[in-house]
């Protein structure tokens, strides 16, 4: 893979986090001075024990296609 491929993947991840990511509610409630973990649907916040799991359903292929990363 070339450098451009990795940069494209990095941009896709940034767009996915910006569009679908939400701050962890437990981080906000329990550690208000800390920057909260940005969670994507179905992912877990590893800061807390037991870990908080985002209850939103996993992303579908249509969600990934809406990011527009295929050139």
PDB file of N, CA and C in Angstrom:
ATOM      1  N   UNK A   1       0.835  -1.180   0.000  1.00  0.00           N
ATOM      2  CA  UNK A   1       0.000   0.000   0.000  1.00  0.00           C
ATOM      3  C   UNK A   1       0.881   1.245   0.000  1.00  0.00           C
ATOM      4  N   UNK A   2       0.436   2.227  -0.704  1.00  0.00           N
ATOM      5  CA  UNK A   2       1.214   3.458  -0.806  1.00  0.00           C
ATOM      6  C   UNK A   2       0.783   4.443   0.278  1.00  0.00           C
ATOM      7  N   UNK A   3       1.517   5.511   0.375  1.00  0.00           N
ATOM      8  CA  UNK A   3       1.216   6.560   1.340  1.00  0.00           C
ATOM      9  C   UNK A   3      -0.169   7.160   1.075  1.00  0.00           C
ATOM     10  N   UNK A   4      -0.523   7.318  -0.194  1.00  0.00           N
ATOM     11  CA  UNK A   4      -1.827   7.885  -0.539  1.00  0.00           C
ATOM     12  C   UNK A   4      -2.968   6.980  -0.073  1.00  0.00           C
ATOM     13  N   UNK A   5      -2.746   5.662  -0.127  1.00  0.00           N
ATOM     14  CA  UNK A   5      -3.765   4.724   0.348  1.00  0.00           C
ATOM     15  C   UNK A   5      -4.008   4.907   1.848  1.00  0.00           C
ATOM     16  N   UNK A   6      -2.909   5.008   2.619  1.00  0.00           N
ATOM     17  CA  UNK A   6      -3.042   5.189   4.060  1.00  0.00           C
ATOM     18  C   UNK A   6      -3.686   6.525   4.395  1.00  0.00           C
ATOM     19  N   UNK A   7      -3.344   7.563   3.651  1.00  0.00           N
ATOM     20  CA  UNK A   7      -3.964   8.869   3.878  1.00  0.00           C
ATOM     21  C   UNK A   7      -5.458   8.823   3.565  1.00  0.00           C
ATOM     22  N   UNK A   8      -5.842   8.072   2.546  1.00  0.00           N
ATOM     23  CA  UNK A   8      -7.254   7.917   2.219  1.00  0.00           C
ATOM     24  C   UNK A   8      -8.014   7.194   3.319  1.00  0.00           C
ATOM     25  N   UNK A   9      -7.395   6.155   3.882  1.00  0.00           N
ATOM     26  CA  UNK A   9      -8.018   5.426   4.982  1.00  0.00           C
ATOM     27  C   UNK A   9      -8.166   6.339   6.195  1.00  0.00           C
ATOM     28  N   UNK A  10      -7.129   7.114   6.486  1.00  0.00           N
ATOM     29  CA  UNK A  10      -7.176   8.027   7.622  1.00  0.00           C
ATOM     30  C   UNK A  10      -8.296   9.058   7.457  1.00  0.00           C
ATOM     31  N   UNK A  11      -8.462   9.582   6.242  1.00  0.00           N
ATOM     32  CA  UNK A  11      -9.529  10.554   5.985  1.00  0.00           C
ATOM     33  C   UNK A  11     -10.911   9.901   6.138  1.00  0.00           C
ATOM     34  N   UNK A  12     -11.038   8.663   5.694  1.00  0.00           N
ATOM     35  CA  UNK A  12     -12.307   7.948   5.829  1.00  0.00           C
ATOM     36  C   UNK A  12     -12.661   7.751   7.304  1.00  0.00           C
ATOM     37  N   UNK A  13     -11.676   7.401   8.131  1.00  0.00           N
ATOM     38  CA  UNK A  13     -11.913   7.218   9.560  1.00  0.00           C
ATOM     39  C   UNK A  13     -12.319   8.542  10.205  1.00  0.00           C
ATOM     40  N   UNK A  14     -11.679   9.632   9.816  1.00  0.00           N
ATOM     41  CA  UNK A  14     -12.042  10.950  10.348  1.00  0.00           C
ATOM     42  C   UNK A  14     -13.475  11.315   9.991  1.00  0.00           C
ATOM     43  N   UNK A  15     -13.873  11.059   8.745  1.00  0.00           N
ATOM     44  CA  UNK A  15     -15.248  11.363   8.330  1.00  0.00           C
ATOM     45  C   UNK A  15     -16.251  10.491   9.067  1.00  0.00           C
ATOM     46  N   UNK A  16     -15.904   9.211   9.275  1.00  0.00           N
ATOM     47  CA  UNK A  16     -16.805   8.293   9.972  1.00  0.00           C
ATOM     48  C   UNK A  16     -16.995   8.725  11.428  1.00  0.00           C
ATOM     49  N   UNK A  17     -15.921   9.095  12.099  1.00  0.00           N
ATOM     50  CA  UNK A  17     -16.030   9.552  13.494  1.00  0.00           C
ATOM     51  C   UNK A  17     -16.802  10.861  13.593  1.00  0.00           C
ATOM     52  N   UNK A  18     -16.594  11.766  12.617  1.00  0.00           N
ATOM     53  CA  UNK A  18     -17.293  13.054  12.650  1.00  0.00           C
ATOM     54  C   UNK A  18     -18.795  12.880  12.420  1.00  0.00           C
ATOM     55  N   UNK A  19     -19.154  11.956  11.550  1.00  0.00           N
ATOM     56  CA  UNK A  19     -20.568  11.783  11.212  1.00  0.00           C
ATOM     57  C   UNK A  19     -21.316  10.918  12.221  1.00  0.00           C
ATOM     58  N   UNK A  20     -20.718   9.815  12.664  1.00  0.00           N
ATOM     59  CA  UNK A  20     -21.429   8.839  13.492  1.00  0.00           C
ATOM     60  C   UNK A  20     -20.975   8.807  14.952  1.00  0.00           C
ATOM     61  N   UNK A  21     -19.879   9.460  15.283  1.00  0.00           N
ATOM     62  CA  UNK A  21     -19.358   9.409  16.640  1.00  0.00           C
ATOM     63  C   UNK A  21     -20.127  10.295  17.603  1.00  0.00           C
ATOM     64  N   UNK A  22     -20.273   9.811  18.846  1.00  0.00           N
ATOM     65  CA  UNK A  22     -20.903  10.574  19.913  1.00  0.00           C
ATOM     66  C   UNK A  22     -20.050  10.418  21.166  1.00  0.00           C
ATOM     67  N   UNK A  23     -19.997  11.455  22.011  1.00  0.00           N
ATOM     68  CA  UNK A  23     -19.208  11.333  23.240  1.00  0.00           C
ATOM     69  C   UNK A  23     -19.834  10.317  24.206  1.00  0.00           C
ATOM     70  N   UNK A  24     -18.984   9.622  24.923  1.00  0.00           N
ATOM     71  CA  UNK A  24     -19.433   8.625  25.894  1.00  0.00           C
ATOM     72  C   UNK A  24     -20.145   9.331  27.050  1.00  0.00           C
ATOM     73  N   UNK A  25     -21.405   8.954  27.350  1.00  0.00           N
ATOM     74  CA  UNK A  25     -22.125   9.620  28.435  1.00  0.00           C
ATOM     75  C   UNK A  25     -21.530   9.345  29.814  1.00  0.00           C
ATOM     76  N   UNK A  26     -20.914   8.184  30.007  1.00  0.00           N
ATOM     77  CA  UNK A  26     -20.286   7.890  31.301  1.00  0.00           C
ATOM     78  C   UNK A  26     -19.043   8.729  31.505  1.00  0.00           C
ATOM     79  N   UNK A  27     -18.298   9.013  30.442  1.00  0.00           N
ATOM     80  CA  UNK A  27     -17.127   9.893  30.571  1.00  0.00           C
ATOM     81  C   UNK A  27     -17.574  11.290  30.990  1.00  0.00           C
ATOM     82  N   UNK A  28     -18.666  11.763  30.390  1.00  0.00           N
ATOM     83  CA  UNK A  28     -19.164  13.098  30.701  1.00  0.00           C
ATOM     84  C   UNK A  28     -19.643  13.165  32.149  1.00  0.00           C
ATOM     85  N   UNK A  29     -20.340  12.135  32.617  1.00  0.00           N
ATOM     86  CA  UNK A  29     -20.904  12.135  33.963  1.00  0.00           C
ATOM     87  C   UNK A  29     -19.851  11.886  35.043  1.00  0.00           C
ATOM     88  N   UNK A  30     -18.935  10.948  34.805  1.00  0.00           N
ATOM     89  CA  UNK A  30     -18.001  10.540  35.848  1.00  0.00           C
ATOM     90  C   UNK A  30     -16.698  11.319  35.834  1.00  0.00           C
ATOM     91  N   UNK A  31     -16.298  11.838  34.682  1.00  0.00           N
ATOM     92  CA  UNK A  31     -15.029  12.568  34.572  1.00  0.00           C
ATOM     93  C   UNK A  31     -15.249  13.829  33.741  1.00  0.00           C
ATOM     94  N   UNK A  32     -15.933  14.825  34.300  1.00  0.00           N
ATOM     95  CA  UNK A  32     -16.326  15.989  33.500  1.00  0.00           C
ATOM     96  C   UNK A  32     -15.160  16.847  33.004  1.00  0.00           C
ATOM     97  N   UNK A  33     -14.009  16.791  33.639  1.00  0.00           N
ATOM     98  CA  UNK A  33     -12.878  17.623  33.208  1.00  0.00           C
ATOM     99  C   UNK A  33     -12.065  16.966  32.095  1.00  0.00           C
ATOM    100  N   UNK A  34     -12.320  15.708  31.852  1.00  0.00           N
ATOM    101  CA  UNK A  34     -11.598  14.952  30.833  1.00  0.00           C
ATOM    102  C   UNK A  34     -12.343  15.031  29.511  1.00  0.00           C
ATOM    103  N   UNK A  35     -11.624  14.960  28.415  1.00  0.00           N
ATOM    104  CA  UNK A  35     -12.273  14.890  27.105  1.00  0.00           C
ATOM    105  C   UNK A  35     -12.920  13.517  26.961  1.00  0.00           C
ATOM    106  N   UNK A  36     -14.208  13.467  26.619  1.00  0.00           N
ATOM    107  CA  UNK A  36     -14.879  12.166  26.548  1.00  0.00           C
ATOM    108  C   UNK A  36     -14.408  11.356  25.339  1.00  0.00           C
ATOM    109  N   UNK A  37     -14.474  10.047  25.485  1.00  0.00           N
ATOM    110  CA  UNK A  37     -14.165   9.144  24.389  1.00  0.00           C
ATOM    111  C   UNK A  37     -15.252   9.276  23.329  1.00  0.00           C
ATOM    112  N   UNK A  38     -14.863   9.328  22.072  1.00  0.00           N
ATOM    113  CA  UNK A  38     -15.827   9.393  20.977  1.00  0.00           C
ATOM    114  C   UNK A  38     -16.160   7.954  20.570  1.00  0.00           C
ATOM    115  N   UNK A  39     -17.433   7.602  20.713  1.00  0.00           N
ATOM    116  CA  UNK A  39     -17.874   6.233  20.425  1.00  0.00           C
ATOM    117  C   UNK A  39     -18.647   6.177  19.120  1.00  0.00           C
ATOM    118  N   UNK A  40     -18.360   5.157  18.364  1.00  0.00           N
ATOM    119  CA  UNK A  40     -19.152   4.853  17.178  1.00  0.00           C
ATOM    120  C   UNK A  40     -20.199   3.816  17.574  1.00  0.00           C
ATOM    121  N   UNK A  41     -21.265   3.660  16.797  1.00  0.00           N
ATOM    122  CA  UNK A  41     -22.330   2.720  17.169  1.00  0.00           C
ATOM    123  C   UNK A  41     -21.811   1.306  17.425  1.00  0.00           C
ATOM    124  N   UNK A  42     -22.200   0.757  18.585  1.00  0.00           N
ATOM    125  CA  UNK A  42     -21.826  -0.609  18.940  1.00  0.00           C
ATOM    126  C   UNK A  42     -20.447  -0.748  19.550  1.00  0.00           C
ATOM    127  N   UNK A  43     -19.648   0.309  19.618  1.00  0.00           N
ATOM    128  CA  UNK A  43     -18.306   0.224  20.175  1.00  0.00           C
ATOM    129  C   UNK A  43     -18.336   0.474  21.668  1.00  0.00           C
ATOM    130  N   UNK A  44     -17.235   0.133  22.348  1.00  0.00           N
ATOM    131  CA  UNK A  44     -17.172   0.252  23.794  1.00  0.00           C
ATOM    132  C   UNK A  44     -16.161   1.307  24.219  1.00  0.00           C
ATOM    133  N   UNK A  45     -16.451   1.912  25.362  1.00  0.00           N
ATOM    134  CA  UNK A  45     -15.518   2.852  25.979  1.00  0.00           C
ATOM    135  C   UNK A  45     -14.651   2.040  26.927  1.00  0.00           C
ATOM    136  N   UNK A  46     -13.373   1.976  26.672  1.00  0.00           N
ATOM    137  CA  UNK A  46     -12.483   1.137  27.459  1.00  0.00           C
ATOM    138  C   UNK A  46     -11.950   1.843  28.701  1.00  0.00           C
ATOM    139  N   UNK A  47     -12.394   3.068  28.948  1.00  0.00           N
ATOM    140  CA  UNK A  47     -11.939   3.798  30.125  1.00  0.00           C
ATOM    141  C   UNK A  47     -12.605   3.248  31.377  1.00  0.00           C
ATOM    142  N   UNK A  48     -13.846   2.807  31.274  1.00  0.00           N
ATOM    143  CA  UNK A  48     -14.634   2.396  32.422  1.00  0.00           C
ATOM    144  C   UNK A  48     -14.625   0.881  32.592  1.00  0.00           C
ATOM    145  N   UNK A  49     -14.738   0.448  33.845  1.00  0.00           N
ATOM    146  CA  UNK A  49     -14.890  -0.970  34.163  1.00  0.00           C
ATOM    147  C   UNK A  49     -16.156  -1.122  34.967  1.00  0.00           C
ATOM    148  N   UNK A  50     -17.133  -1.882  34.562  1.00  0.00           N
ATOM    149  CA  UNK A  50     -17.234  -2.558  33.274  1.00  0.00           C
ATOM    150  C   UNK A  50     -17.408  -1.542  32.152  1.00  0.00           C
ATOM    151  N   UNK A  51     -16.973  -1.900  30.958  1.00  0.00           N
ATOM    152  CA  UNK A  51     -16.997  -0.929  29.863  1.00  0.00           C
ATOM    153  C   UNK A  51     -18.413  -0.553  29.442  1.00  0.00           C
ATOM    154  N   UNK A  52     -18.550   0.727  29.058  1.00  0.00           N
ATOM    155  CA  UNK A  52     -19.821   1.202  28.519  1.00  0.00           C
ATOM    156  C   UNK A  52     -19.859   0.839  27.043  1.00  0.00           C
ATOM    157  N   UNK A  53     -20.960   0.251  26.589  1.00  0.00           N
ATOM    158  CA  UNK A  53     -21.128  -0.121  25.187  1.00  0.00           C
ATOM    159  C   UNK A  53     -22.217   0.764  24.594  1.00  0.00           C
ATOM    160  N   UNK A  54     -21.902   1.413  23.478  1.00  0.00           N
ATOM    161  CA  UNK A  54     -22.867   2.275  22.801  1.00  0.00           C
ATOM    162  C   UNK A  54     -24.029   1.408  22.311  1.00  0.00           C
ATOM    163  N   UNK A  55     -25.271   1.710  22.742  1.00  0.00           N
ATOM    164  CA  UNK A  55     -26.400   0.836  22.404  1.00  0.00           C
ATOM    165  C   UNK A  55     -26.919   0.985  20.970  1.00  0.00           C
ATOM    166  N   UNK A  56     -26.401   1.950  20.214  1.00  0.00           N
ATOM    167  CA  UNK A  56     -26.884   2.117  18.841  1.00  0.00           C
ATOM    168  C   UNK A  56     -26.477   0.911  17.999  1.00  0.00           C
ATOM    169  N   UNK A  57     -27.270   0.549  16.996  1.00  0.00           N
ATOM    170  CA  UNK A  57     -26.916  -0.607  16.156  1.00  0.00           C
ATOM    171  C   UNK A  57     -25.670  -0.336  15.323  1.00  0.00           C
ATOM    172  N   UNK A  58     -24.982  -1.399  14.957  1.00  0.00           N
ATOM    173  CA  UNK A  58     -23.785  -1.290  14.126  1.00  0.00           C
ATOM    174  C   UNK A  58     -24.109  -0.586  12.805  1.00  0.00           C
ATOM    175  N   UNK A  59     -23.094   0.026  12.221  1.00  0.00           N
ATOM    176  CA  UNK A  59     -23.277   0.711  10.945  1.00  0.00           C
ATOM    177  C   UNK A  59     -23.536  -0.298   9.829  1.00  0.00           C
ATOM    178  N   UNK A  60     -24.398   0.078   8.906  1.00  0.00           N
ATOM    179  CA  UNK A  60     -24.702  -0.781   7.766  1.00  0.00           C
ATOM    180  C   UNK A  60     -23.834  -0.370   6.573  1.00  0.00           C
ATOM    181  N   UNK A  61     -23.899  -1.132   5.524  1.00  0.00           N
ATOM    182  CA  UNK A  61     -23.147  -0.805   4.324  1.00  0.00           C
ATOM    183  C   UNK A  61     -23.638   0.512   3.725  1.00  0.00           C
ATOM    184  N   UNK A  62     -24.933   0.787   3.842  1.00  0.00           N
ATOM    185  CA  UNK A  62     -25.472   2.056   3.346  1.00  0.00           C
ATOM    186  C   UNK A  62     -24.879   3.244   4.113  1.00  0.00           C
ATOM    187  N   UNK A  63     -24.642   3.066   5.432  1.00  0.00           N
ATOM    188  CA  UNK A  63     -24.011   4.129   6.219  1.00  0.00           C
ATOM    189  C   UNK A  63     -22.590   4.384   5.733  1.00  0.00           C
ATOM    190  N   UNK A  64     -21.849   3.302   5.476  1.00  0.00           N
ATOM    191  CA  UNK A  64     -20.479   3.464   4.979  1.00  0.00           C
ATOM    192  C   UNK A  64     -20.477   4.097   3.590  1.00  0.00           C
ATOM    193  N   UNK A  65     -21.442   3.714   2.761  1.00  0.00           N
ATOM    194  CA  UNK A  65     -21.511   4.284   1.409  1.00  0.00           C
ATOM    195  C   UNK A  65     -21.842   5.765   1.445  1.00  0.00           C
ATOM    196  N   UNK A  66     -22.573   6.213   2.470  1.00  0.00           N
ATOM    197  CA  UNK A  66     -22.943   7.623   2.555  1.00  0.00           C
ATOM    198  C   UNK A  66     -21.738   8.516   2.878  1.00  0.00           C
ATOM    199  N   UNK A  67     -20.630   7.922   3.313  1.00  0.00           N
ATOM    200  CA  UNK A  67     -19.434   8.716   3.596  1.00  0.00           C
ATOM    201  C   UNK A  67     -18.746   9.178   2.311  1.00  0.00           C
ATOM    202  N   UNK A  68     -18.943   8.453   1.228  1.00  0.00           N
ATOM    203  CA  UNK A  68     -18.408   8.868  -0.058  1.00  0.00           C
ATOM    204  C   UNK A  68     -16.911   8.729  -0.206  1.00  0.00           C
ATOM    205  N   UNK A  69     -16.339   7.654   0.322  1.00  0.00           N
ATOM    206  CA  UNK A  69     -14.899   7.468   0.222  1.00  0.00           C
ATOM    207  C   UNK A  69     -14.438   6.736  -1.013  1.00  0.00           C
ATOM    208  N   UNK A  70     -15.351   6.238  -1.832  1.00  0.00           N
ATOM    209  CA  UNK A  70     -14.971   5.486  -3.040  1.00  0.00           C
ATOM    210  C   UNK A  70     -14.776   6.436  -4.201  1.00  0.00           C
ATOM    211  N   UNK A  71     -13.529   6.552  -4.650  1.00  0.00           N
ATOM    212  CA  UNK A  71     -13.251   7.435  -5.794  1.00  0.00           C
ATOM    213  C   UNK A  71     -12.832   6.648  -7.006  1.00  0.00           C
TER     214      UNK A  71
END
